Amino acid sequence: MSRITWPLFTVEEIFPLEETNGFEFRRICLQTVTEPDWAQRLERTISRLREVPYLQEIPISSSGRPANLLEVGRALAAGLERLAIPLDVANPQLYTALKGGSLPRVYRLLKEAAERYPQQVTTHLIVGLGETEEELAALLLDLAQSQIPVALFAFTPVRSTRLARQKPPSLKGYRRIQVLRYLLAQNLPVKLTYGEQGAITSFGYSHQELEALLSSGAAFQTSGCPDCNRPYYNERPGQIPYNYPRPLTANEVEQAFAELWE
């Protein structure tokens, strides 16, 4: 999504949607922008979607920046199955520099919303913005305590932006955060140790134990809402995916496991 054009269409041009010719939609994801009336616009869009017969039963997710619990409740009441309140940045100083605002304030709202609306509130984290693995791990551990699902993204430099020259995260660093997110999502205990610059050196399992836990390859697939795959969101075609948009082959699982420490 970082590398595609976004042509403008009016709502009238989009609705009513035509039939899908047999293509199966499994989830609708609505991306919102931060405007005072974002909740009202979301309500109207969901209402229009539900008027389309073949979309009436499909779960809808959205990502937004609600100002308070009232806005969270209003968005969910409009018909969302899940609302993501993105943290994106794990370091408070980087959060203010890159996104503006206060990470502790947004984090507090996220946790309050997850407590009020269990299983309906999620978040996003971007790996590679200048934070350490230890900072990301601390955040993931705390989010797991609140049972808040996390969608992981790899930072993608985009031309003509202020971070255009910043490098994306190393594959091995990203793999380690993927594994931690997966272990926590499976409610498995972890005992982390760290090395230089806060890099994870152990999850508290032997090589063989960890390999067995990761044998399905699910840890390296796209994380987030069910049925979300986001192909080529973080990488170009031809590159090894940060997030595989499909089940991995046996060789890909073996390669991904090796990438943890390479």
Foldseek 3Di string as FASTA:
>chain_A
DLPDDDDDDDPVVCPPPDDPVPDDDQEAEAEFDDDPCRLVVLLVVLVRQCVHVNRVPHAYEYEDADPALVSVVSNVVSGHQAYEDELAELDQVLCCVPPNDGSVVSVVRQLVNCVVPPPHYAYEYEPQSPAALQSLLVVLVVCLVSPHWYWYAWDAADPPDPCNPRDIDQLLQLLVSLLSSVCSNVVHQFDWDADPRGGTDGRRDDLVVSLVVCQFVPSQATTDDPPDHPPCPHHDPPDDDSHHSDGDDNVNSVVSSVSNVD
